Amino acid sequence: MAHASRVPCWASRCRLNSYRSIRSFQSFSAAQSQISSYPLYPSVSQLLHEKGIPDSEISKIPASGPKGRLLKGDVLAYTGAIPAEYTSNLSAHISKLAHLDLSNIKIKQAPAQREAKPAPEAPEAPEAPAEKPAAAPPKDARVTLPINLDAVHKVQKRIQKALKIMVHTETFITRAANIANEDLPPSAVKPRAQSADELFDEIVGIGQATKPSTSRGNYVPEISTRDDDIMSSLLENEKEGEEDIIDVLSGKSESSPVSRNASSLYDSLDHDIDAFYFSVEVPAVDRRRGEAFLERLRDVLENNPGSLIFETSSLPRERYPAQKEASFI
């Protein structure tokens, strides 16, 4: 006796489900074929599913789409969500607008030319006012500030005692001026020649927004004393047989003792001269900028002159930009 093949339970269940899906698809396709030879739009199928319309009622819905296709408006009108005549009216309105009507075009007549009236006599032009003289360039102002160099002299004596060399006074002043020129208030004087970028920013109106709050100056102080003869003799004695502090500290040259005349002159300098008078010549509108420069110069020379030598002597010379020596008068 032949044994009948047994089909697993899950396999038979799959066959039944596939059979049901095929039957459902065939009934759905039959309903579609009754309406149109085209398949339903995905949006229409989704709407039919949401409204719970069975496949048997799809053929009862009047279609207003192209070539008899069913639209969402047809489904909404069938369910009563919109008026029943809404879709037909909208379709007729679109068909009317799709046709360009040029039947009522008329040529517009040119307007009649008016008689030319005689031009009135032009009134006599008033006499032009006298040209104002060109504005004079801004005048320069001289800003002066007394600065005591006692702290500088003490540092010079310490270096002279320890290293047997004398550092020029101009070295302190030049390096202090280089520091004081940093981050000054911006100048109120506009440069004569502006770059293309600056002109564009000024026209667009972003020049003020991007204007830097500080700028670097290029001031060189002029120094005077109550006794100019003492100052001139001091400079002459400093320059006789002097060597640069950077060369001595780096070992490039041997130190040489300073003459006793220069040492005695510095000893008497503290008693003969109370203060040096530093001054700069700036435009009148930049007076505050010049005052800020001299105030910073005074702070460095009076409060911390040693930093100009000991903190910078070990650095290469290229770190210091070349600057004009301070002029003494």
C-alpha atoms as a PDB file:
ATOM      1  CA  MET A   1       0.000   0.000   0.000  1.00  0.00           C
ATOM      2  CA  ALA A   2       1.500   3.261  -1.104  1.00  0.00           C
ATOM      3  CA  HIS A   3       2.010   5.843   1.588  1.00  0.00           C
ATOM      4  CA  ALA A   4       0.466   9.246   0.818  1.00  0.00           C
ATOM      5  CA  SER A   5       2.893  12.144   1.008  1.00  0.00           C
ATOM      6  CA  ARG A   6       2.191  14.329   3.906  1.00  0.00           C
ATOM      7  CA  VAL A   7       2.479  18.089   3.506  1.00  0.00           C
ATOM      8  CA  PRO A   8       3.619  20.042   6.549  1.00  0.00           C
ATOM      9  CA  CYS A   9       0.995  22.200   8.195  1.00  0.00           C
ATOM     10  CA  TRP A  10       2.867  25.449   7.601  1.00  0.00           C
ATOM     11  CA  ALA A  11       3.285  24.632   3.875  1.00  0.00           C
ATOM     12  CA  SER A  12      -0.426  24.000   3.424  1.00  0.00           C
ATOM     13  CA  ARG A  13      -1.214  27.242   5.223  1.00  0.00           C
ATOM     14  CA  CYS A  14       1.073  29.164   2.853  1.00  0.00           C
ATOM     15  CA  ARG A  15      -0.667  27.626  -0.132  1.00  0.00           C
ATOM     16  CA  LEU A  16      -4.070  28.699   1.156  1.00  0.00           C
ATOM     17  CA  ASN A  17      -2.876  32.248   1.796  1.00  0.00           C
ATOM     18  CA  SER A  18      -1.332  32.524  -1.678  1.00  0.00           C
ATOM     19  CA  TYR A  19      -4.567  31.248  -3.209  1.00  0.00           C
ATOM     20  CA  ARG A  20      -6.581  33.872  -1.356  1.00  0.00           C
ATOM     21  CA  SER A  21      -4.232  36.684  -2.453  1.00  0.00           C
ATOM     22  CA  ILE A  22      -4.477  35.564  -6.077  1.00  0.00           C
ATOM     23  CA  ARG A  23      -8.266  35.579  -5.876  1.00  0.00           C
ATOM     24  CA  SER A  24      -8.252  39.060  -4.340  1.00  0.00           C
ATOM     25  CA  PHE A  25      -5.903  40.397  -6.998  1.00  0.00           C
ATOM     26  CA  GLN A  26      -8.050  38.910  -9.791  1.00  0.00           C
ATOM     27  CA  SER A  27     -11.217  40.500  -8.400  1.00  0.00           C
ATOM     28  CA  PHE A  28      -9.447  43.853  -7.989  1.00  0.00           C
ATOM     29  CA  SER A  29      -8.091  43.712 -11.563  1.00  0.00           C
ATOM     30  CA  ALA A  30     -11.547  42.840 -12.872  1.00  0.00           C
ATOM     31  CA  ALA A  31     -12.996  45.889 -11.144  1.00  0.00           C
ATOM     32  CA  GLN A  32     -10.276  48.055 -12.663  1.00  0.00           C
ATOM     33  CA  SER A  33     -10.884  46.705 -16.141  1.00  0.00           C
ATOM     34  CA  GLN A  34     -14.524  47.769 -15.851  1.00  0.00           C
ATOM     35  CA  ILE A  35     -13.469  51.400 -15.280  1.00  0.00           C
ATOM     36  CA  SER A  36     -10.424  51.826 -17.465  1.00  0.00           C
ATOM     37  CA  SER A  37      -7.658  49.942 -19.073  1.00  0.00           C
ATOM     38  CA  TYR A  38      -5.187  51.929 -16.942  1.00  0.00           C
ATOM     39  CA  PRO A  39      -4.339  50.968 -13.350  1.00  0.00           C
ATOM     40  CA  LEU A  40      -5.494  53.128 -10.482  1.00  0.00           C
ATOM     41  CA  TYR A  41      -3.269  55.910  -9.217  1.00  0.00           C
ATOM     42  CA  PRO A  42      -1.487  55.017  -5.959  1.00  0.00           C
ATOM     43  CA  SER A  43      -3.150  57.969  -4.260  1.00  0.00           C
ATOM     44  CA  VAL A  44      -6.588  56.770  -5.407  1.00  0.00           C
ATOM     45  CA  SER A  45      -5.901  53.232  -4.172  1.00  0.00           C
ATOM     46  CA  GLN A  46      -4.812  54.620  -0.812  1.00  0.00           C
ATOM     47  CA  LEU A  47      -7.950  56.766  -0.569  1.00  0.00           C
ATOM     48  CA  LEU A  48     -10.201  53.802  -1.431  1.00  0.00           C
ATOM     49  CA  HIS A  49      -8.522  51.813   1.316  1.00  0.00           C
ATOM     50  CA  GLU A  50      -8.934  54.637   3.842  1.00  0.00           C
ATOM     51  CA  LYS A  51     -12.608  55.139   3.007  1.00  0.00           C
ATOM     52  CA  GLY A  52     -13.283  51.373   3.153  1.00  0.00           C
ATOM     53  CA  ILE A  53     -14.747  51.176  -0.359  1.00  0.00           C
ATOM     54  CA  PRO A  54     -14.777  47.556  -1.568  1.00  0.00           C
ATOM     55  CA  ASP A  55     -13.614  46.557  -5.015  1.00  0.00           C
ATOM     56  CA  SER A  56     -17.177  45.836  -6.087  1.00  0.00           C
ATOM     57  CA  GLU A  57     -18.158  49.510  -5.737  1.00  0.00           C
ATOM     58  CA  ILE A  58     -15.227  50.956  -7.708  1.00  0.00           C
ATOM     59  CA  SER A  59     -17.073  50.484 -10.985  1.00  0.00           C
ATOM     60  CA  LYS A  60     -20.002  52.541  -9.628  1.00  0.00           C
ATOM     61  CA  ILE A  61     -17.854  55.661  -9.067  1.00  0.00           C
ATOM     62  CA  PRO A  62     -18.117  58.083 -12.058  1.00  0.00           C
ATOM     63  CA  ALA A  63     -14.611  58.870 -13.368  1.00  0.00           C
ATOM     64  CA  SER A  64     -13.750  62.359 -14.645  1.00  0.00           C
ATOM     65  CA  GLY A  65     -10.044  61.899 -15.320  1.00  0.00           C
ATOM     66  CA  PRO A  66      -8.322  61.754 -18.710  1.00  0.00           C
ATOM     67  CA  LYS A  67      -9.320  58.683 -20.721  1.00  0.00           C
ATOM     68  CA  GLY A  68     -11.814  57.734 -18.055  1.00  0.00           C
ATOM     69  CA  ARG A  69      -9.325  57.340 -15.205  1.00  0.00           C
ATOM     70  CA  LEU A  70     -10.543  57.582 -11.636  1.00  0.00           C
ATOM     71  CA  LEU A  71      -9.315  60.584  -9.621  1.00  0.00           C
ATOM     72  CA  LYS A  72      -9.249  61.376  -5.915  1.00  0.00           C
ATOM     73  CA  GLY A  73     -11.926  64.005  -6.428  1.00  0.00           C
ATOM     74  CA  ASP A  74     -14.216  61.370  -7.865  1.00  0.00           C
ATOM     75  CA  VAL A  75     -13.794  59.239  -4.756  1.00  0.00           C
ATOM     76  CA  LEU A  76     -14.371  62.234  -2.453  1.00  0.00           C
ATOM     77  CA  ALA A  77     -17.492  63.226  -4.391  1.00  0.00           C
ATOM     78  CA  TYR A  78     -18.763  59.645  -4.214  1.00  0.00           C
ATOM     79  CA  THR A  79     -18.312  59.575  -0.435  1.00  0.00           C
ATOM     80  CA  GLY A  80     -19.911  63.043  -0.023  1.00  0.00           C
ATOM     81  CA  ALA A  81     -16.753  64.804   1.229  1.00  0.00           C
ATOM     82  CA  ILE A  82     -17.127  67.408  -1.573  1.00  0.00           C
ATOM     83  CA  PRO A  83     -20.091  68.419  -3.757  1.00  0.00           C
ATOM     84  CA  ALA A  84     -20.889  65.964  -6.521  1.00  0.00           C
ATOM     85  CA  GLU A  85     -20.640  68.616  -9.265  1.00  0.00           C
ATOM     86  CA  TYR A  86     -17.310  69.985  -8.011  1.00  0.00           C
ATOM     87  CA  THR A  87     -15.140  67.705 -10.120  1.00  0.00           C
ATOM     88  CA  SER A  88     -17.109  68.291 -13.310  1.00  0.00           C
ATOM     89  CA  ASN A  89     -17.096  72.065 -12.825  1.00  0.00           C
ATOM     90  CA  LEU A  90     -13.362  72.080 -12.133  1.00  0.00           C
ATOM     91  CA  SER A  91     -12.676  69.955 -15.196  1.00  0.00           C
ATOM     92  CA  ALA A  92     -14.745  72.281 -17.389  1.00  0.00           C
ATOM     93  CA  HIS A  93     -12.960  75.346 -15.974  1.00  0.00           C
ATOM     94  CA  ILE A  94      -9.544  73.848 -16.691  1.00  0.00           C
ATOM     95  CA  SER A  95     -10.592  72.943 -20.236  1.00  0.00           C
ATOM     96  CA  LYS A  96     -11.744  76.518 -20.814  1.00  0.00           C
ATOM     97  CA  LEU A  97      -8.494  78.015 -19.575  1.00  0.00           C
ATOM     98  CA  ALA A  98      -6.470  75.591 -21.678  1.00  0.00           C
ATOM     99  CA  HIS A  99      -7.775  77.282 -24.827  1.00  0.00           C
ATOM    100  CA  LEU A 100      -6.296  80.698 -25.656  1.00  0.00           C
ATOM    101  CA  ASP A 101      -9.075  82.972 -26.916  1.00  0.00           C
ATOM    102  CA  LEU A 102      -7.755  85.597 -29.356  1.00  0.00           C
ATOM    103  CA  SER A 103     -11.087  86.439 -31.033  1.00  0.00           C
ATOM    104  CA  ASN A 104     -11.698  89.770 -29.293  1.00  0.00           C
ATOM    105  CA  ILE A 105      -8.418  91.488 -30.153  1.00  0.00           C
ATOM    106  CA  LYS A 106      -8.748  95.076 -31.423  1.00  0.00           C
ATOM    107  CA  ILE A 107      -6.060  97.416 -32.694  1.00  0.00           C
ATOM    108  CA  LYS A 108      -5.686 100.402 -30.426  1.00  0.00           C
ATOM    109  CA  GLN A 109      -5.696 103.759 -32.225  1.00  0.00           C
ATOM    110  CA  ALA A 110      -2.781 106.067 -31.715  1.00  0.00           C
ATOM    111  CA  PRO A 111      -3.588 109.133 -29.570  1.00  0.00           C
ATOM    112  CA  ALA A 112      -4.031 112.421 -31.416  1.00  0.00           C
ATOM    113  CA  GLN A 113      -0.975 114.629 -31.322  1.00  0.00           C
ATOM    114  CA  ARG A 114      -1.443 117.743 -29.269  1.00  0.00           C
ATOM    115  CA  GLU A 115      -0.486 121.113 -30.635  1.00  0.00           C
ATOM    116  CA  ALA A 116       2.981 122.027 -29.532  1.00  0.00           C
ATOM    117  CA  LYS A 117       2.927 124.975 -27.156  1.00  0.00           C
ATOM    118  CA  PRO A 118       5.714 127.552 -27.314  1.00  0.00           C
ATOM    119  CA  ALA A 119       8.297 126.862 -24.684  1.00  0.00           C
ATOM    120  CA  PRO A 120       8.365 129.484 -21.937  1.00  0.00           C
ATOM    121  CA  GLU A 121      11.399 131.653 -21.747  1.00  0.00           C
ATOM    122  CA  ALA A 122      13.914 130.297 -19.304  1.00  0.00           C
ATOM    123  CA  PRO A 123      14.484 132.586 -16.328  1.00  0.00           C
ATOM    124  CA  GLU A 124      17.866 134.113 -15.950  1.00  0.00           C
ATOM    125  CA  ALA A 125      20.158 131.889 -13.959  1.00  0.00           C
ATOM    126  CA  PRO A 126      21.220 133.404 -10.649  1.00  0.00           C
ATOM    127  CA  GLU A 127      24.815 134.269 -10.231  1.00  0.00           C
ATOM    128  CA  ALA A 128      26.842 131.343  -8.981  1.00  0.00           C
ATOM    129  CA  PRO A 129      28.113 131.865  -5.450  1.00  0.00           C
ATOM    130  CA  ALA A 130      31.779 132.393  -5.039  1.00  0.00           C
ATOM    131  CA  GLU A 131      33.679 129.147  -4.680  1.00  0.00           C
ATOM    132  CA  LYS A 132      34.710 128.394  -1.164  1.00  0.00           C
ATOM    133  CA  PRO A 133      38.419 127.968  -0.658  1.00  0.00           C
ATOM    134  CA  ALA A 134      39.559 124.394  -0.319  1.00  0.00           C
ATOM    135  CA  ALA A 135      39.719 123.134   3.216  1.00  0.00           C
ATOM    136  CA  ALA A 136      43.164 123.493   4.644  1.00  0.00           C
ATOM    137  CA  PRO A 137      44.915 120.283   5.647  1.00  0.00           C
ATOM    138  CA  PRO A 138      44.664 119.465   9.345  1.00  0.00           C
ATOM    139  CA  LYS A 139      47.208 121.278  11.428  1.00  0.00           C
ATOM    140  CA  ASP A 140      49.769 119.353  13.408  1.00  0.00           C
ATOM    141  CA  ALA A 141      49.941 119.444  17.172  1.00  0.00           C
ATOM    142  CA  ARG A 142      52.929 118.757  19.383  1.00  0.00           C
ATOM    143  CA  VAL A 143      52.358 116.545  22.408  1.00  0.00           C
ATOM    144  CA  THR A 144      54.992 116.647  25.164  1.00  0.00           C
ATOM    145  CA  LEU A 145      55.348 114.510  28.274  1.00  0.00           C
ATOM    146  CA  PRO A 146      58.157 114.507  30.876  1.00  0.00           C
ATOM    147  CA  ILE A 147      59.655 111.076  31.527  1.00  0.00           C
ATOM    148  CA  ASN A 148      62.107 110.256  34.311  1.00  0.00           C
ATOM    149  CA  LEU A 149      64.909 107.927  33.251  1.00  0.00           C
ATOM    150  CA  ASP A 150      66.218 107.097  36.737  1.00  0.00           C
ATOM    151  CA  ALA A 151      65.111 103.477  36.355  1.00  0.00           C
ATOM    152  CA  VAL A 152      66.932 103.264  33.015  1.00  0.00           C
ATOM    153  CA  HIS A 153      70.126 104.624  34.596  1.00  0.00           C
ATOM    154  CA  LYS A 154      69.938 102.042  37.388  1.00  0.00           C
ATOM    155  CA  VAL A 155      69.635  99.221  34.867  1.00  0.00           C
ATOM    156  CA  GLN A 156      72.599 100.644  32.934  1.00  0.00           C
ATOM    157  CA  LYS A 157      74.694 100.687  36.099  1.00  0.00           C
ATOM    158  CA  ARG A 158      73.746  97.096  36.910  1.00  0.00           C
ATOM    159  CA  ILE A 159      74.777  95.962  33.431  1.00  0.00           C
ATOM    160  CA  GLN A 160      77.977  98.004  33.666  1.00  0.00           C
ATOM    161  CA  LYS A 161      78.860  96.462  37.016  1.00  0.00           C
ATOM    162  CA  ALA A 162      78.018  92.890  36.026  1.00  0.00           C
ATOM    163  CA  LEU A 163      79.125  92.741  32.381  1.00  0.00           C
ATOM    164  CA  LYS A 164      81.507  95.721  32.158  1.00  0.00           C
ATOM    165  CA  ILE A 165      79.604  97.154  29.210  1.00  0.00           C
ATOM    166  CA  MET A 166      77.338 100.152  28.744  1.00  0.00           C
ATOM    167  CA  VAL A 167      74.008  99.905  26.923  1.00  0.00           C
ATOM    168  CA  HIS A 168      73.076 102.974  24.889  1.00  0.00           C
ATOM    169  CA  THR A 169      70.211 105.089  26.117  1.00  0.00           C
ATOM    170  CA  GLU A 170      68.877 105.073  22.558  1.00  0.00           C
ATOM    171  CA  THR A 171      68.568 101.277  22.804  1.00  0.00           C
ATOM    172  CA  PHE A 172      66.130 101.575  25.687  1.00  0.00           C
ATOM    173  CA  ILE A 173      64.172 104.373  24.034  1.00  0.00           C
ATOM    174  CA  THR A 174      64.010 102.704  20.618  1.00  0.00           C
ATOM    175  CA  ARG A 175      62.768  99.397  22.008  1.00  0.00           C
ATOM    176  CA  ALA A 176      60.309 101.134  24.313  1.00  0.00           C
ATOM    177  CA  ALA A 177      58.970 103.150  21.367  1.00  0.00           C
ATOM    178  CA  ASN A 178      58.563  99.941  19.384  1.00  0.00           C
ATOM    179  CA  ILE A 179      56.376  98.514  22.169  1.00  0.00           C
ATOM    180  CA  ALA A 180      54.448 101.772  22.687  1.00  0.00           C
ATOM    181  CA  ASN A 181      53.515 101.904  18.995  1.00  0.00           C
ATOM    182  CA  GLU A 182      51.525  98.662  19.294  1.00  0.00           C
ATOM    183  CA  ASP A 183      47.700  98.714  19.600  1.00  0.00           C
ATOM    184  CA  LEU A 184      47.235 102.479  19.567  1.00  0.00           C
ATOM    185  CA  PRO A 185      43.806 104.075  19.075  1.00  0.00           C
ATOM    186  CA  PRO A 186      42.923 104.176  15.360  1.00  0.00           C
ATOM    187  CA  SER A 187      43.974 107.267  13.461  1.00  0.00           C
ATOM    188  CA  ALA A 188      41.238 109.733  12.470  1.00  0.00           C
ATOM    189  CA  VAL A 189      43.187 110.820   9.378  1.00  0.00           C
ATOM    190  CA  LYS A 190      42.159 108.921   6.248  1.00  0.00           C
ATOM    191  CA  PRO A 191      44.974 107.819   3.951  1.00  0.00           C
ATOM    192  CA  ARG A 192      45.218 109.626   0.640  1.00  0.00           C
ATOM    193  CA  ALA A 193      45.215 106.395  -1.387  1.00  0.00           C
ATOM    194  CA  GLN A 194      42.741 103.657  -0.514  1.00  0.00           C
ATOM    195  CA  SER A 195      42.836 100.118  -1.801  1.00  0.00           C
ATOM    196  CA  ALA A 196      40.065  98.661  -3.956  1.00  0.00           C
ATOM    197  CA  ASP A 197      38.791  96.552  -1.043  1.00  0.00           C
ATOM    198  CA  GLU A 198      38.585  99.581   1.260  1.00  0.00           C
ATOM    199  CA  LEU A 199      36.700 101.611  -1.357  1.00  0.00           C
ATOM    200  CA  PHE A 200      34.237  98.750  -1.932  1.00  0.00           C
ATOM    201  CA  ASP A 201      33.628  98.326   1.816  1.00  0.00           C
ATOM    202  CA  GLU A 202      33.028 102.061   2.160  1.00  0.00           C
ATOM    203  CA  ILE A 203      30.476 102.091  -0.700  1.00  0.00           C
ATOM    204  CA  VAL A 204      28.614  99.024   0.583  1.00  0.00           C
ATOM    205  CA  GLY A 205      28.609 100.396   4.112  1.00  0.00           C
ATOM    206  CA  ILE A 206      30.530  97.689   5.907  1.00  0.00           C
ATOM    207  CA  GLY A 207      33.641  99.769   6.464  1.00  0.00           C
ATOM    208  CA  GLN A 208      32.547 100.940   9.912  1.00  0.00           C
ATOM    209  CA  ALA A 209      31.551  97.424  11.006  1.00  0.00           C
ATOM    210  CA  THR A 210      34.926  95.929  10.068  1.00  0.00           C
ATOM    211  CA  LYS A 211      37.020  98.907  11.153  1.00  0.00           C
ATOM    212  CA  PRO A 212      39.711  97.715  13.595  1.00  0.00           C
ATOM    213  CA  SER A 213      39.587  99.152  17.097  1.00  0.00           C
ATOM    214  CA  THR A 214      43.376  99.588  17.251  1.00  0.00           C
ATOM    215  CA  SER A 215      46.250 100.127  14.851  1.00  0.00           C
ATOM    216  CA  ARG A 216      50.026 100.294  14.930  1.00  0.00           C
ATOM    217  CA  GLY A 217      51.707 103.673  15.047  1.00  0.00           C
ATOM    218  CA  ASN A 218      55.006 104.829  13.620  1.00  0.00           C
ATOM    219  CA  TYR A 219      55.947 107.533  16.082  1.00  0.00           C
ATOM    220  CA  VAL A 220      59.557 108.461  16.819  1.00  0.00           C
ATOM    221  CA  PRO A 221      59.905 110.626  19.934  1.00  0.00           C
ATOM    222  CA  GLU A 222      61.952 113.791  20.044  1.00  0.00           C
ATOM    223  CA  ILE A 223      63.784 114.227  23.345  1.00  0.00           C
ATOM    224  CA  SER A 224      64.963 117.427  24.944  1.00  0.00           C
ATOM    225  CA  THR A 225      66.393 118.313  28.358  1.00  0.00           C
ATOM    226  CA  ARG A 226      66.937 121.419  30.390  1.00  0.00           C
ATOM    227  CA  ASP A 227      70.630 121.225  29.610  1.00  0.00           C
ATOM    228  CA  ASP A 228      71.261 120.100  26.038  1.00  0.00           C
ATOM    229  CA  ASP A 229      75.044 120.129  26.540  1.00  0.00           C
ATOM    230  CA  ILE A 230      74.834 117.366  29.151  1.00  0.00           C
ATOM    231  CA  MET A 231      72.719 115.216  26.855  1.00  0.00           C
ATOM    232  CA  SER A 232      75.016 115.635  23.843  1.00  0.00           C
ATOM    233  CA  SER A 233      78.144 114.839  25.873  1.00  0.00           C
ATOM    234  CA  LEU A 234      76.398 111.793  27.331  1.00  0.00           C
ATOM    235  CA  LEU A 235      75.675 110.383  23.876  1.00  0.00           C
ATOM    236  CA  GLU A 236      79.224 111.007  22.653  1.00  0.00           C
ATOM    237  CA  ASN A 237      80.747 109.120  25.609  1.00  0.00           C
ATOM    238  CA  GLU A 238      78.326 106.213  25.154  1.00  0.00           C
ATOM    239  CA  LYS A 239      79.314 105.687  21.528  1.00  0.00           C
ATOM    240  CA  GLU A 240      83.061 105.537  22.138  1.00  0.00           C
ATOM    241  CA  GLY A 241      84.194 101.917  21.978  1.00  0.00           C
ATOM    242  CA  GLU A 242      80.759 100.491  22.779  1.00  0.00           C
ATOM    243  CA  GLU A 243      79.611  96.982  21.857  1.00  0.00           C
ATOM    244  CA  ASP A 244      76.075  95.724  21.429  1.00  0.00           C
ATOM    245  CA  ILE A 245      74.601  93.934  24.455  1.00  0.00           C
ATOM    246  CA  ILE A 246      73.236  91.184  22.180  1.00  0.00           C
ATOM    247  CA  ASP A 247      76.700  90.395  20.824  1.00  0.00           C
ATOM    248  CA  VAL A 248      78.199  90.294  24.313  1.00  0.00           C
ATOM    249  CA  LEU A 249      75.538  88.047  25.846  1.00  0.00           C
ATOM    250  CA  SER A 250      75.620  85.661  22.879  1.00  0.00           C
ATOM    251  CA  GLY A 251      79.427  85.315  23.125  1.00  0.00           C
ATOM    252  CA  LYS A 252      80.186  86.815  19.712  1.00  0.00           C
ATOM    253  CA  SER A 253      82.509  89.489  21.108  1.00  0.00           C
ATOM    254  CA  GLU A 254      84.485  90.130  24.260  1.00  0.00           C
ATOM    255  CA  SER A 255      83.304  92.772  26.692  1.00  0.00           C
ATOM    256  CA  SER A 256      85.335  95.943  27.118  1.00  0.00           C
ATOM    257  CA  PRO A 257      85.288  98.234  30.140  1.00  0.00           C
ATOM    258  CA  VAL A 258      83.533 101.563  29.841  1.00  0.00           C
ATOM    259  CA  SER A 259      85.495 104.749  30.265  1.00  0.00           C
ATOM    260  CA  ARG A 260      85.346 106.367  33.668  1.00  0.00           C
ATOM    261  CA  ASN A 261      84.191 109.653  32.116  1.00  0.00           C
ATOM    262  CA  ALA A 262      80.902 108.094  30.990  1.00  0.00           C
ATOM    263  CA  SER A 263      80.381 106.500  34.407  1.00  0.00           C
ATOM    264  CA  SER A 264      80.981 109.746  36.248  1.00  0.00           C
ATOM    265  CA  LEU A 265      78.709 111.548  33.802  1.00  0.00           C
ATOM    266  CA  TYR A 266      75.844 109.154  34.584  1.00  0.00           C
ATOM    267  CA  ASP A 267      76.438 109.677  38.308  1.00  0.00           C
ATOM    268  CA  SER A 268      76.025 113.416  37.875  1.00  0.00           C
ATOM    269  CA  LEU A 269      73.083 112.997  35.510  1.00  0.00           C
ATOM    270  CA  ASP A 270      70.724 112.025  38.335  1.00  0.00           C
ATOM    271  CA  HIS A 271      71.414 115.332  40.068  1.00  0.00           C
ATOM    272  CA  ASP A 272      71.644 117.666  37.071  1.00  0.00           C
ATOM    273  CA  ILE A 273      68.599 116.512  35.110  1.00  0.00           C
ATOM    274  CA  ASP A 274      65.205 115.942  36.719  1.00  0.00           C
ATOM    275  CA  ALA A 275      63.390 114.591  33.654  1.00  0.00           C
ATOM    276  CA  PHE A 276      63.582 114.295  29.897  1.00  0.00           C
ATOM    277  CA  TYR A 277      60.876 115.855  27.766  1.00  0.00           C
ATOM    278  CA  PHE A 278      59.566 113.454  25.118  1.00  0.00           C
ATOM    279  CA  SER A 279      57.428 114.935  22.356  1.00  0.00           C
ATOM    280  CA  VAL A 280      55.818 113.806  19.103  1.00  0.00           C
ATOM    281  CA  GLU A 281      54.231 115.828  16.326  1.00  0.00           C
ATOM    282  CA  VAL A 282      50.820 114.463  15.293  1.00  0.00           C
ATOM    283  CA  PRO A 283      47.773 115.783  13.396  1.00  0.00           C
ATOM    284  CA  ALA A 284      45.422 117.759  15.620  1.00  0.00           C
ATOM    285  CA  VAL A 285      42.700 115.101  15.275  1.00  0.00           C
ATOM    286  CA  ASP A 286      45.150 112.416  16.470  1.00  0.00           C
ATOM    287  CA  ARG A 287      46.198 114.208  19.631  1.00  0.00           C
ATOM    288  CA  ARG A 288      44.753 111.465  21.840  1.00  0.00           C
ATOM    289  CA  ARG A 289      46.676 108.878  19.814  1.00  0.00           C
ATOM    290  CA  GLY A 290      49.954 110.719  20.438  1.00  0.00           C
ATOM    291  CA  GLU A 291      49.195 111.053  24.143  1.00  0.00           C
ATOM    292  CA  ALA A 292      48.551 107.308  24.380  1.00  0.00           C
ATOM    293  CA  PHE A 293      51.924 106.621  22.738  1.00  0.00           C
ATOM    294  CA  LEU A 294      53.829 108.831  25.184  1.00  0.00           C
ATOM    295  CA  GLU A 295      51.977 107.402  28.196  1.00  0.00           C
ATOM    296  CA  ARG A 296      52.914 103.853  27.206  1.00  0.00           C
ATOM    297  CA  LEU A 297      56.483 104.943  26.556  1.00  0.00           C
ATOM    298  CA  ARG A 298      56.643 106.454  30.047  1.00  0.00           C
ATOM    299  CA  ASP A 299      55.219 103.318  31.666  1.00  0.00           C
ATOM    300  CA  VAL A 300      57.872 101.098  30.076  1.00  0.00           C
ATOM    301  CA  LEU A 301      60.853 103.384  30.742  1.00  0.00           C
ATOM    302  CA  GLU A 302      59.913 104.295  34.317  1.00  0.00           C
ATOM    303  CA  ASN A 303      58.394 101.047  35.594  1.00  0.00           C
ATOM    304  CA  ASN A 304      60.073  98.164  33.756  1.00  0.00           C
ATOM    305  CA  PRO A 305      63.090  99.161  31.663  1.00  0.00           C
ATOM    306  CA  GLY A 306      64.922  95.928  32.460  1.00  0.00           C
ATOM    307  CA  SER A 307      62.500  93.942  30.300  1.00  0.00           C
ATOM    308  CA  LEU A 308      63.792  95.815  27.255  1.00  0.00           C
ATOM    309  CA  ILE A 309      67.244  94.214  27.684  1.00  0.00           C
ATOM    310  CA  PHE A 310      67.035  91.015  29.717  1.00  0.00           C
ATOM    311  CA  GLU A 311      63.864  89.575  28.139  1.00  0.00           C
ATOM    312  CA  THR A 312      64.856  90.369  24.555  1.00  0.00           C
ATOM    313  CA  SER A 313      68.640  90.030  24.509  1.00  0.00           C
ATOM    314  CA  SER A 314      68.500  86.249  23.981  1.00  0.00           C
ATOM    315  CA  LEU A 315      66.220  86.557  20.943  1.00  0.00           C
ATOM    316  CA  PRO A 316      67.534  86.922  17.387  1.00  0.00           C
ATOM    317  CA  ARG A 317      67.690  90.422  15.995  1.00  0.00           C
ATOM    318  CA  GLU A 318      65.259  89.606  13.218  1.00  0.00           C
ATOM    319  CA  ARG A 319      62.466  89.661  15.821  1.00  0.00           C
ATOM    320  CA  TYR A 320      62.869  93.429  16.175  1.00  0.00           C
ATOM    321  CA  PRO A 321      61.780  95.473  13.144  1.00  0.00           C
ATOM    322  CA  ALA A 322      64.200  98.122  12.044  1.00  0.00           C
ATOM    323  CA  GLN A 323      63.129 101.473  13.502  1.00  0.00           C
ATOM    324  CA  LYS A 324      64.560 104.928  13.202  1.00  0.00           C
ATOM    325  CA  GLU A 325      66.673 106.014  16.141  1.00  0.00           C
ATOM    326  CA  ALA A 326      65.040 108.542  18.483  1.00  0.00           C
ATOM    327  CA  SER A 327      66.121 112.065  17.617  1.00  0.00           C
ATOM    328  CA  PHE A 328      67.527 114.229  20.384  1.00  0.00           C
ATOM    329  CA  ILE A 329      67.309 118.005  20.307  1.00  0.00           C
END
